[in-house]
PDB file of N, CA and C in Angstrom:
ATOM      1  N   MET A   1     -87.130  16.259  -1.242  1.00  0.00           N
ATOM      2  CA  MET A   1     -87.527  14.907  -1.545  1.00  0.00           C
ATOM      3  C   MET A   1     -88.967  14.944  -2.023  1.00  0.00           C
ATOM      4  N   PHE A   2     -89.268  14.120  -3.012  1.00  0.00           N
ATOM      5  CA  PHE A   2     -90.637  14.062  -3.493  1.00  0.00           C
ATOM      6  C   PHE A   2     -91.031  12.614  -3.717  1.00  0.00           C
ATOM      7  N   PHE A   3     -92.322  12.348  -3.726  1.00  0.00           N
ATOM      8  CA  PHE A   3     -92.842  10.990  -3.900  1.00  0.00           C
ATOM      9  C   PHE A   3     -93.450  10.888  -5.282  1.00  0.00           C
ATOM     10  N   ASN A   4     -93.184   9.794  -5.957  1.00  0.00           N
ATOM     11  CA  ASN A   4     -93.741   9.562  -7.279  1.00  0.00           C
ATOM     12  C   ASN A   4     -94.204   8.118  -7.341  1.00  0.00           C
ATOM     13  N   ASN A   5     -95.472   7.865  -7.347  1.00  0.00           N
ATOM     14  CA  ASN A   5     -96.033   6.509  -7.360  1.00  0.00           C
ATOM     15  C   ASN A   5     -95.476   5.660  -6.225  1.00  0.00           C
ATOM     16  N   ASN A   6     -95.573   6.142  -5.033  1.00  0.00           N
ATOM     17  CA  ASN A   6     -95.081   5.452  -3.835  1.00  0.00           C
ATOM     18  C   ASN A   6     -93.554   5.288  -3.843  1.00  0.00           C
ATOM     19  N   LYS A   7     -92.849   6.010  -4.667  1.00  0.00           N
ATOM     20  CA  LYS A   7     -91.380   5.953  -4.689  1.00  0.00           C
ATOM     21  C   LYS A   7     -90.885   7.319  -4.251  1.00  0.00           C
ATOM     22  N   CYS A   8     -89.914   7.348  -3.398  1.00  0.00           N
ATOM     23  CA  CYS A   8     -89.401   8.627  -2.954  1.00  0.00           C
ATOM     24  C   CYS A   8     -88.003   8.836  -3.521  1.00  0.00           C
ATOM     25  N   CYS A   9     -87.779  10.000  -4.018  1.00  0.00           N
ATOM     26  CA  CYS A   9     -86.467  10.327  -4.565  1.00  0.00           C
ATOM     27  C   CYS A   9     -86.051  11.679  -4.050  1.00  0.00           C
ATOM     28  N   GLN A  10     -84.771  11.827  -3.811  1.00  0.00           N
ATOM     29  CA  GLN A  10     -84.276  13.130  -3.424  1.00  0.00           C
ATOM     30  C   GLN A  10     -84.172  13.988  -4.678  1.00  0.00           C
ATOM     31  N   GLN A  11     -84.415  15.270  -4.513  1.00  0.00           N
ATOM     32  CA  GLN A  11     -84.315  16.156  -5.645  1.00  0.00           C
ATOM     33  C   GLN A  11     -82.861  16.529  -5.925  1.00  0.00           C
ATOM     34  N   ASN A  12     -81.996  16.098  -5.106  1.00  0.00           N
ATOM     35  CA  ASN A  12     -80.578  16.380  -5.283  1.00  0.00           C
ATOM     36  C   ASN A  12     -80.074  15.595  -6.495  1.00  0.00           C
ATOM     37  N   ASN A  13     -79.569  16.272  -7.525  1.00  0.00           N
ATOM     38  CA  ASN A  13     -79.060  15.576  -8.717  1.00  0.00           C
ATOM     39  C   ASN A  13     -77.773  14.812  -8.417  1.00  0.00           C
ATOM     40  N   TRP A  14     -77.091  15.233  -7.412  1.00  0.00           N
ATOM     41  CA  TRP A  14     -75.820  14.604  -7.060  1.00  0.00           C
ATOM     42  C   TRP A  14     -76.035  13.210  -6.521  1.00  0.00           C
ATOM     43  N   HIS A  15     -77.090  13.019  -5.742  1.00  0.00           N
ATOM     44  CA  HIS A  15     -77.236  11.753  -5.039  1.00  0.00           C
ATOM     45  C   HIS A  15     -78.717  11.371  -5.013  1.00  0.00           C
ATOM     46  N   GLN A  16     -79.083  10.458  -5.866  1.00  0.00           N
ATOM     47  CA  GLN A  16     -80.473   9.990  -5.877  1.00  0.00           C
ATOM     48  C   GLN A  16     -80.495   8.546  -5.420  1.00  0.00           C
ATOM     49  N   GLU A  17     -81.264   8.246  -4.442  1.00  0.00           N
ATOM     50  CA  GLU A  17     -81.308   6.879  -3.918  1.00  0.00           C
ATOM     51  C   GLU A  17     -82.703   6.566  -3.409  1.00  0.00           C
ATOM     52  N   THR A  18     -82.916   5.339  -3.106  1.00  0.00           N
ATOM     53  CA  THR A  18     -84.219   4.923  -2.588  1.00  0.00           C
ATOM     54  C   THR A  18     -84.334   5.310  -1.128  1.00  0.00           C
ATOM     55  N   CYS A  19     -85.517   5.494  -0.701  1.00  0.00           N
ATOM     56  CA  CYS A  19     -85.775   5.792   0.708  1.00  0.00           C
ATOM     57  C   CYS A  19     -86.555   4.638   1.308  1.00  0.00           C
ATOM     58  N   CYS A  20     -86.220   4.277   2.476  1.00  0.00           N
ATOM     59  CA  CYS A  20     -86.951   3.274   3.245  1.00  0.00           C
ATOM     60  C   CYS A  20     -87.062   1.953   2.498  1.00  0.00           C
ATOM     61  N   GLY A  21     -86.058   1.569   1.721  1.00  0.00           N
ATOM     62  CA  GLY A  21     -86.065   0.280   1.043  1.00  0.00           C
ATOM     63  C   GLY A  21     -86.961   0.247  -0.168  1.00  0.00           C
ATOM     64  N   MET A  22     -87.518   1.366  -0.613  1.00  0.00           N
ATOM     65  CA  MET A  22     -88.365   1.363  -1.807  1.00  0.00           C
ATOM     66  C   MET A  22     -87.487   1.303  -3.044  1.00  0.00           C
ATOM     67  N   GLU A  23     -88.073   0.991  -4.195  1.00  0.00           N
ATOM     68  CA  GLU A  23     -87.322   0.876  -5.438  1.00  0.00           C
ATOM     69  C   GLU A  23     -86.903   2.253  -5.934  1.00  0.00           C
ATOM     70  N   PRO A  24     -85.800   2.336  -6.659  1.00  0.00           N
ATOM     71  CA  PRO A  24     -85.353   3.628  -7.151  1.00  0.00           C
ATOM     72  C   PRO A  24     -86.272   4.167  -8.221  1.00  0.00           C
ATOM     73  N   CYS A  25     -86.147   5.466  -8.478  1.00  0.00           N
ATOM     74  CA  CYS A  25     -87.011   6.100  -9.473  1.00  0.00           C
ATOM     75  C   CYS A  25     -86.365   6.075 -10.846  1.00  0.00           C
ATOM     76  N   GLY A  26     -85.691   5.017 -11.237  1.00  0.00           N
ATOM     77  CA  GLY A  26     -85.097   4.911 -12.549  1.00  0.00           C
ATOM     78  C   GLY A  26     -83.830   5.739 -12.711  1.00  0.00           C
ATOM     79  N   CYS A  27     -83.123   5.958 -11.650  1.00  0.00           N
ATOM     80  CA  CYS A  27     -81.909   6.769 -11.702  1.00  0.00           C
ATOM     81  C   CYS A  27     -80.726   5.886 -12.099  1.00  0.00           C
ATOM     82  N   ALA A  28     -79.674   6.498 -12.694  1.00  0.00           N
ATOM     83  CA  ALA A  28     -78.433   5.797 -13.054  1.00  0.00           C
ATOM     84  C   ALA A  28     -77.665   5.453 -11.777  1.00  0.00           C
ATOM     85  N   PRO A  29     -76.787   4.436 -11.831  1.00  0.00           N
ATOM     86  CA  PRO A  29     -76.008   4.088 -10.645  1.00  0.00           C
ATOM     87  C   PRO A  29     -75.122   5.265 -10.221  1.00  0.00           C
ATOM     88  N   ILE A  30     -74.952   5.356  -8.946  1.00  0.00           N
ATOM     89  CA  ILE A  30     -74.144   6.427  -8.378  1.00  0.00           C
ATOM     90  C   ILE A  30     -72.701   5.933  -8.251  1.00  0.00           C
ATOM     91  N   VAL A  31     -71.776   6.681  -8.768  1.00  0.00           N
ATOM     92  CA  VAL A  31     -70.349   6.359  -8.616  1.00  0.00           C
ATOM     93  C   VAL A  31     -69.815   7.192  -7.476  1.00  0.00           C
ATOM     94  N   GLU A  32     -69.424   6.528  -6.431  1.00  0.00           N
ATOM     95  CA  GLU A  32     -68.905   7.201  -5.252  1.00  0.00           C
ATOM     96  C   GLU A  32     -67.456   7.632  -5.507  1.00  0.00           C
ATOM     97  N   PRO A  33     -66.970   8.612  -4.743  1.00  0.00           N
ATOM     98  CA  PRO A  33     -65.564   8.995  -4.876  1.00  0.00           C
ATOM     99  C   PRO A  33     -64.660   7.817  -4.509  1.00  0.00           C
ATOM    100  N   THR A  34     -63.553   7.725  -5.201  1.00  0.00           N
ATOM    101  CA  THR A  34     -62.615   6.632  -4.981  1.00  0.00           C
ATOM    102  C   THR A  34     -61.972   6.750  -3.606  1.00  0.00           C
ATOM    103  N   ILE A  35     -61.970   5.629  -2.907  1.00  0.00           N
ATOM    104  CA  ILE A  35     -61.273   5.550  -1.621  1.00  0.00           C
ATOM    105  C   ILE A  35     -59.916   4.938  -1.907  1.00  0.00           C
ATOM    106  N   GLU A  36     -58.895   5.627  -1.535  1.00  0.00           N
ATOM    107  CA  GLU A  36     -57.554   5.140  -1.805  1.00  0.00           C
ATOM    108  C   GLU A  36     -56.975   4.499  -0.550  1.00  0.00           C
ATOM    109  N   ARG A  37     -56.481   3.282  -0.726  1.00  0.00           N
ATOM    110  CA  ARG A  37     -55.796   2.598   0.366  1.00  0.00           C
ATOM    111  C   ARG A  37     -54.314   2.610   0.050  1.00  0.00           C
ATOM    112  N   CYS A  38     -53.479   2.792   1.039  1.00  0.00           N
ATOM    113  CA  CYS A  38     -52.031   2.751   0.859  1.00  0.00           C
ATOM    114  C   CYS A  38     -51.487   1.521   1.568  1.00  0.00           C
ATOM    115  N   VAL A  39     -50.785   0.725   0.826  1.00  0.00           N
ATOM    116  CA  VAL A  39     -50.137  -0.459   1.387  1.00  0.00           C
ATOM    117  C   VAL A  39     -48.639  -0.255   1.181  1.00  0.00           C
ATOM    118  N   GLU A  40     -47.899  -0.228   2.258  1.00  0.00           N
ATOM    119  CA  GLU A  40     -46.461  -0.043   2.163  1.00  0.00           C
ATOM    120  C   GLU A  40     -45.787  -1.398   2.254  1.00  0.00           C
ATOM    121  N   ARG A  41     -44.940  -1.693   1.269  1.00  0.00           N
ATOM    122  CA  ARG A  41     -44.230  -2.976   1.246  1.00  0.00           C
ATOM    123  C   ARG A  41     -42.741  -2.710   1.197  1.00  0.00           C
ATOM    124  N   ASN A  42     -41.987  -3.552   1.863  1.00  0.00           N
ATOM    125  CA  ASN A  42     -40.532  -3.499   1.799  1.00  0.00           C
ATOM    126  C   ASN A  42     -40.063  -4.628   0.899  1.00  0.00           C
ATOM    127  N   ILE A  43     -39.334  -4.275  -0.140  1.00  0.00           N
ATOM    128  CA  ILE A  43     -38.820  -5.262  -1.086  1.00  0.00           C
ATOM    129  C   ILE A  43     -37.305  -5.237  -0.982  1.00  0.00           C
ATOM    130  N   CYS A  44     -36.728  -6.368  -0.616  1.00  0.00           N
ATOM    131  CA  CYS A  44     -35.292  -6.463  -0.412  1.00  0.00           C
ATOM    132  C   CYS A  44     -34.646  -6.988  -1.693  1.00  0.00           C
ATOM    133  N   HIS A  45     -33.664  -6.264  -2.191  1.00  0.00           N
ATOM    134  CA  HIS A  45     -32.930  -6.665  -3.396  1.00  0.00           C
ATOM    135  C   HIS A  45     -31.511  -7.056  -2.979  1.00  0.00           C
ATOM    136  N   GLN A  46     -31.101  -8.250  -3.351  1.00  0.00           N
ATOM    137  CA  GLN A  46     -29.750  -8.715  -3.069  1.00  0.00           C
ATOM    138  C   GLN A  46     -28.852  -8.277  -4.215  1.00  0.00           C
ATOM    139  N   ILE A  47     -27.833  -7.483  -3.920  1.00  0.00           N
ATOM    140  CA  ILE A  47     -26.910  -6.997  -4.933  1.00  0.00           C
ATOM    141  C   ILE A  47     -25.535  -7.564  -4.622  1.00  0.00           C
ATOM    142  N   GLU A  48     -24.980  -8.309  -5.580  1.00  0.00           N
ATOM    143  CA  GLU A  48     -23.680  -8.932  -5.385  1.00  0.00           C
ATOM    144  C   GLU A  48     -22.589  -7.958  -5.816  1.00  0.00           C
ATOM    145  N   HIS A  49     -21.635  -7.754  -4.928  1.00  0.00           N
ATOM    146  CA  HIS A  49     -20.496  -6.899  -5.234  1.00  0.00           C
ATOM    147  C   HIS A  49     -19.262  -7.785  -5.366  1.00  0.00           C
ATOM    148  N   ILE A  50     -18.511  -7.603  -6.434  1.00  0.00           N
ATOM    149  CA  ILE A  50     -17.288  -8.365  -6.644  1.00  0.00           C
ATOM    150  C   ILE A  50     -16.129  -7.475  -6.237  1.00  0.00           C
ATOM    151  N   CYS A  51     -15.350  -7.938  -5.284  1.00  0.00           N
ATOM    152  CA  CYS A  51     -14.202  -7.177  -4.779  1.00  0.00           C
ATOM    153  C   CYS A  51     -12.929  -7.963  -5.115  1.00  0.00           C
ATOM    154  N   PRO A  52     -12.286  -7.661  -6.234  1.00  0.00           N
ATOM    155  CA  PRO A  52     -11.078  -8.411  -6.606  1.00  0.00           C
ATOM    156  C   PRO A  52      -9.941  -8.169  -5.619  1.00  0.00           C
ATOM    157  N   ILE A  53      -9.293  -9.235  -5.219  1.00  0.00           N
ATOM    158  CA  ILE A  53      -8.133  -9.154  -4.335  1.00  0.00           C
ATOM    159  C   ILE A  53      -7.018  -9.964  -4.990  1.00  0.00           C
ATOM    160  N   HIS A  54      -5.907  -9.317  -5.257  1.00  0.00           N
ATOM    161  CA  HIS A  54      -4.770  -9.971  -5.897  1.00  0.00           C
ATOM    162  C   HIS A  54      -3.661 -10.131  -4.866  1.00  0.00           C
ATOM    163  N   THR A  55      -3.146 -11.329  -4.734  1.00  0.00           N
ATOM    164  CA  THR A  55      -2.032 -11.593  -3.831  1.00  0.00           C
ATOM    165  C   THR A  55      -0.777 -11.751  -4.668  1.00  0.00           C
ATOM    166  N   ARG A  56       0.213 -10.930  -4.385  1.00  0.00           N
ATOM    167  CA  ARG A  56       1.473 -10.995  -5.110  1.00  0.00           C
ATOM    168  C   ARG A  56       2.510 -11.586  -4.180  1.00  0.00           C
ATOM    169  N   ILE A  57       3.147 -12.662  -4.593  1.00  0.00           N
ATOM    170  CA  ILE A  57       4.148 -13.342  -3.774  1.00  0.00           C
ATOM    171  C   ILE A  57       5.520 -13.012  -4.349  1.00  0.00           C
ATOM    172  N   ILE A  58       6.391 -12.490  -3.516  1.00  0.00           N
ATOM    173  CA  ILE A  58       7.753 -12.157  -3.932  1.00  0.00           C
ATOM    174  C   ILE A  58       8.686 -13.117  -3.213  1.00  0.00           C
ATOM    175  N   ASN A  59       9.371 -13.948  -3.978  1.00  0.00           N
ATOM    176  CA  ASN A  59      10.319 -14.911  -3.418  1.00  0.00           C
ATOM    177  C   ASN A  59      11.706 -14.280  -3.428  1.00  0.00           C
ATOM    178  N   ASN A  60      12.275 -14.112  -2.273  1.00  0.00           N
ATOM    179  CA  ASN A  60      13.607 -13.547  -2.157  1.00  0.00           C
ATOM    180  C   ASN A  60      14.587 -14.705  -1.979  1.00  0.00           C
ATOM    181  N   HIS A  61      15.387 -14.957  -2.991  1.00  0.00           N
ATOM    182  CA  HIS A  61      16.371 -16.039  -2.951  1.00  0.00           C
ATOM    183  C   HIS A  61      17.678 -15.467  -2.393  1.00  0.00           C
ATOM    184  N   ILE A  62      18.097 -15.968  -1.267  1.00  0.00           N
ATOM    185  CA  ILE A  62      19.308 -15.487  -0.614  1.00  0.00           C
ATOM    186  C   ILE A  62      20.385 -16.556  -0.772  1.00  0.00           C
ATOM    187  N   PHE A  63      21.494 -16.157  -1.370  1.00  0.00           N
ATOM    188  CA  PHE A  63      22.611 -17.069  -1.557  1.00  0.00           C
ATOM    189  C   PHE A  63      23.698 -16.692  -0.557  1.00  0.00           C
ATOM    190  N   GLU A  64      23.938 -17.553   0.394  1.00  0.00           N
ATOM    191  CA  GLU A  64      24.997 -17.306   1.383  1.00  0.00           C
ATOM    192  C   GLU A  64      26.240 -18.058   0.928  1.00  0.00           C
ATOM    193  N   HIS A  65      27.294 -17.311   0.720  1.00  0.00           N
ATOM    194  CA  HIS A  65      28.530 -17.899   0.202  1.00  0.00           C
ATOM    195  C   HIS A  65      29.451 -18.260   1.363  1.00  0.00           C
ATOM    196  N   SER A  66      30.028 -19.426   1.287  1.00  0.00           N
ATOM    197  CA  SER A  66      31.055 -19.837   2.257  1.00  0.00           C
ATOM    198  C   SER A  66      32.265 -20.307   1.448  1.00  0.00           C
ATOM    199  N   TYR A  67      33.403 -20.074   1.999  1.00  0.00           N
ATOM    200  CA  TYR A  67      34.632 -20.410   1.295  1.00  0.00           C
ATOM    201  C   TYR A  67      35.379 -21.484   2.080  1.00  0.00           C
ATOM    202  N   ARG A  68      35.755 -22.547   1.410  1.00  0.00           N
ATOM    203  CA  ARG A  68      36.467 -23.674   2.004  1.00  0.00           C
ATOM    204  C   ARG A  68      37.726 -23.885   1.181  1.00  0.00           C
ATOM    205  N   PRO A  69      38.830 -23.606   1.757  1.00  0.00           N
ATOM    206  CA  PRO A  69      40.067 -23.796   0.972  1.00  0.00           C
ATOM    207  C   PRO A  69      40.360 -25.280   0.772  1.00  0.00           C
ATOM    208  N   GLU A  70      40.806 -25.590  -0.394  1.00  0.00           N
ATOM    209  CA  GLU A  70      41.270 -26.947  -0.689  1.00  0.00           C
ATOM    210  C   GLU A  70      42.750 -26.835  -1.071  1.00  0.00           C
ATOM    211  N   TYR A  71      43.563 -27.374  -0.218  1.00  0.00           N
ATOM    212  CA  TYR A  71      45.004 -27.255  -0.418  1.00  0.00           C
ATOM    213  C   TYR A  71      45.491 -28.405  -1.293  1.00  0.00           C
ATOM    214  N   THR A  72      46.432 -28.087  -2.155  1.00  0.00           N
ATOM    215  CA  THR A  72      47.069 -29.110  -2.972  1.00  0.00           C
ATOM    216  C   THR A  72      48.574 -29.036  -2.735  1.00  0.00           C
ATOM    217  N   CYS A  73      49.230 -30.091  -3.083  1.00  0.00           N
ATOM    218  CA  CYS A  73      50.674 -30.143  -2.894  1.00  0.00           C
ATOM    219  C   CYS A  73      51.278 -30.879  -4.089  1.00  0.00           C
ATOM    220  N   SER A  74      52.325 -30.377  -4.550  1.00  0.00           N
ATOM    221  CA  SER A  74      53.028 -31.074  -5.626  1.00  0.00           C
ATOM    222  C   SER A  74      54.489 -31.274  -5.192  1.00  0.00           C
ATOM    223  N   GLU A  75      55.076 -32.264  -5.723  1.00  0.00           N
ATOM    224  CA  GLU A  75      56.466 -32.570  -5.355  1.00  0.00           C
ATOM    225  C   GLU A  75      57.259 -32.825  -6.631  1.00  0.00           C
ATOM    226  N   GLU A  76      58.429 -32.229  -6.698  1.00  0.00           N
ATOM    227  CA  GLU A  76      59.310 -32.439  -7.851  1.00  0.00           C
ATOM    228  C   GLU A  76      60.639 -33.013  -7.342  1.00  0.00           C
ATOM    229  N   ASN A  77      61.158 -33.902  -8.079  1.00  0.00           N
ATOM    230  CA  ASN A  77      62.463 -34.472  -7.743  1.00  0.00           C
ATOM    231  C   ASN A  77      63.496 -33.936  -8.742  1.00  0.00           C
ATOM    232  N   THR A  78      64.519 -33.428  -8.228  1.00  0.00           N
ATOM    233  CA  THR A  78      65.609 -32.960  -9.085  1.00  0.00           C
ATOM    234  C   THR A  78      66.862 -33.817  -8.789  1.00  0.00           C
ATOM    235  N   VAL A  79      67.674 -33.927  -9.713  1.00  0.00           N
ATOM    236  CA  VAL A  79      68.914 -34.728  -9.546  1.00  0.00           C
ATOM    237  C   VAL A  79      70.102 -33.796  -9.780  1.00  0.00           C
ATOM    238  N   THR A  80      70.984 -33.828  -8.874  1.00  0.00           N
ATOM    239  CA  THR A  80      72.215 -33.064  -9.030  1.00  0.00           C
ATOM    240  C   THR A  80      73.373 -34.076  -9.014  1.00  0.00           C
ATOM    241  N   ASN A  81      74.126 -34.096 -10.039  1.00  0.00           N
ATOM    242  CA  ASN A  81      75.262 -35.004 -10.105  1.00  0.00           C
ATOM    243  C   ASN A  81      76.528 -34.216  -9.755  1.00  0.00           C
ATOM    244  N   ILE A  82      77.158 -34.720  -8.781  1.00  0.00           N
ATOM    245  CA  ILE A  82      78.459 -34.151  -8.484  1.00  0.00           C
ATOM    246  C   ILE A  82      79.467 -35.200  -8.999  1.00  0.00           C
ATOM    247  N   ASP A  83      80.076 -34.895 -10.069  1.00  0.00           N
ATOM    248  CA  ASP A  83      81.014 -35.835 -10.706  1.00  0.00           C
ATOM    249  C   ASP A  83      82.395 -35.167 -10.716  1.00  0.00           C
ATOM    250  N   PRO A  84      83.254 -35.623  -9.822  1.00  0.00           N
ATOM    251  CA  PRO A  84      84.555 -35.010  -9.769  1.00  0.00           C
ATOM    252  C   PRO A  84      85.409 -35.420 -10.971  1.00  0.00           C
ATOM    253  N   GLY A  85      84.959 -36.272 -11.750  1.00  0.00           N
ATOM    254  CA  GLY A  85      85.691 -36.688 -12.949  1.00  0.00           C
ATOM    255  C   GLY A  85      86.643 -37.853 -12.618  1.00  0.00           C
ATOM    256  N   CYS A  86      87.419 -38.223 -13.516  1.00  0.00           N
ATOM    257  CA  CYS A  86      88.301 -39.381 -13.379  1.00  0.00           C
ATOM    258  C   CYS A  86      89.729 -38.964 -12.898  1.00  0.00           C
ATOM    259  N   SER A  87      89.882 -37.885 -12.526  1.00  0.00           N
ATOM    260  CA  SER A  87      91.250 -37.430 -12.233  1.00  0.00           C
ATOM    261  C   SER A  87      91.844 -38.078 -10.975  1.00  0.00           C
ATOM    262  N   GLY A  88      91.140 -38.588 -10.133  1.00  0.00           N
ATOM    263  CA  GLY A  88      91.742 -39.145  -8.933  1.00  0.00           C
ATOM    264  C   GLY A  88      91.864 -40.650  -8.961  1.00  0.00           C
ATOM    265  N   GLN A  89      91.536 -41.352 -10.025  1.00  0.00           N
ATOM    266  CA  GLN A  89      91.543 -42.816 -10.024  1.00  0.00           C
ATOM    267  C   GLN A  89      92.674 -43.316 -10.926  1.00  0.00           C
ATOM    268  N   ASN A  90      93.143 -44.479 -10.569  1.00  0.00           N
ATOM    269  CA  ASN A  90      94.204 -45.115 -11.364  1.00  0.00           C
ATOM    270  C   ASN A  90      93.587 -46.288 -12.067  1.00  0.00           C
ATOM    271  N   PHE A  91      93.916 -46.366 -13.300  1.00  0.00           N
ATOM    272  CA  PHE A  91      93.467 -47.512 -14.069  1.00  0.00           C
ATOM    273  C   PHE A  91      94.615 -48.259 -14.559  1.00  0.00           C
TER     274      PHE A  91
END
């Protein structure tokens, strides 16, 4: 460290600063190493899933057969003539 007109400066080229609140010796601003902060965030993404469901309906038509007899009747009239002829009569 050296004093120049009541100003003290470090001889270190890496880091020159004022001492005891005195003014700097005309040095450029010092850029300090970057301090990295890590912030962890949880981001929730809503993803819609389409699940197709097909319902197939099978209609089973059952035909139960029953049998009911319907009786009919017909009638015929026949005529039989017994004609002994005229041989037994007197006229």
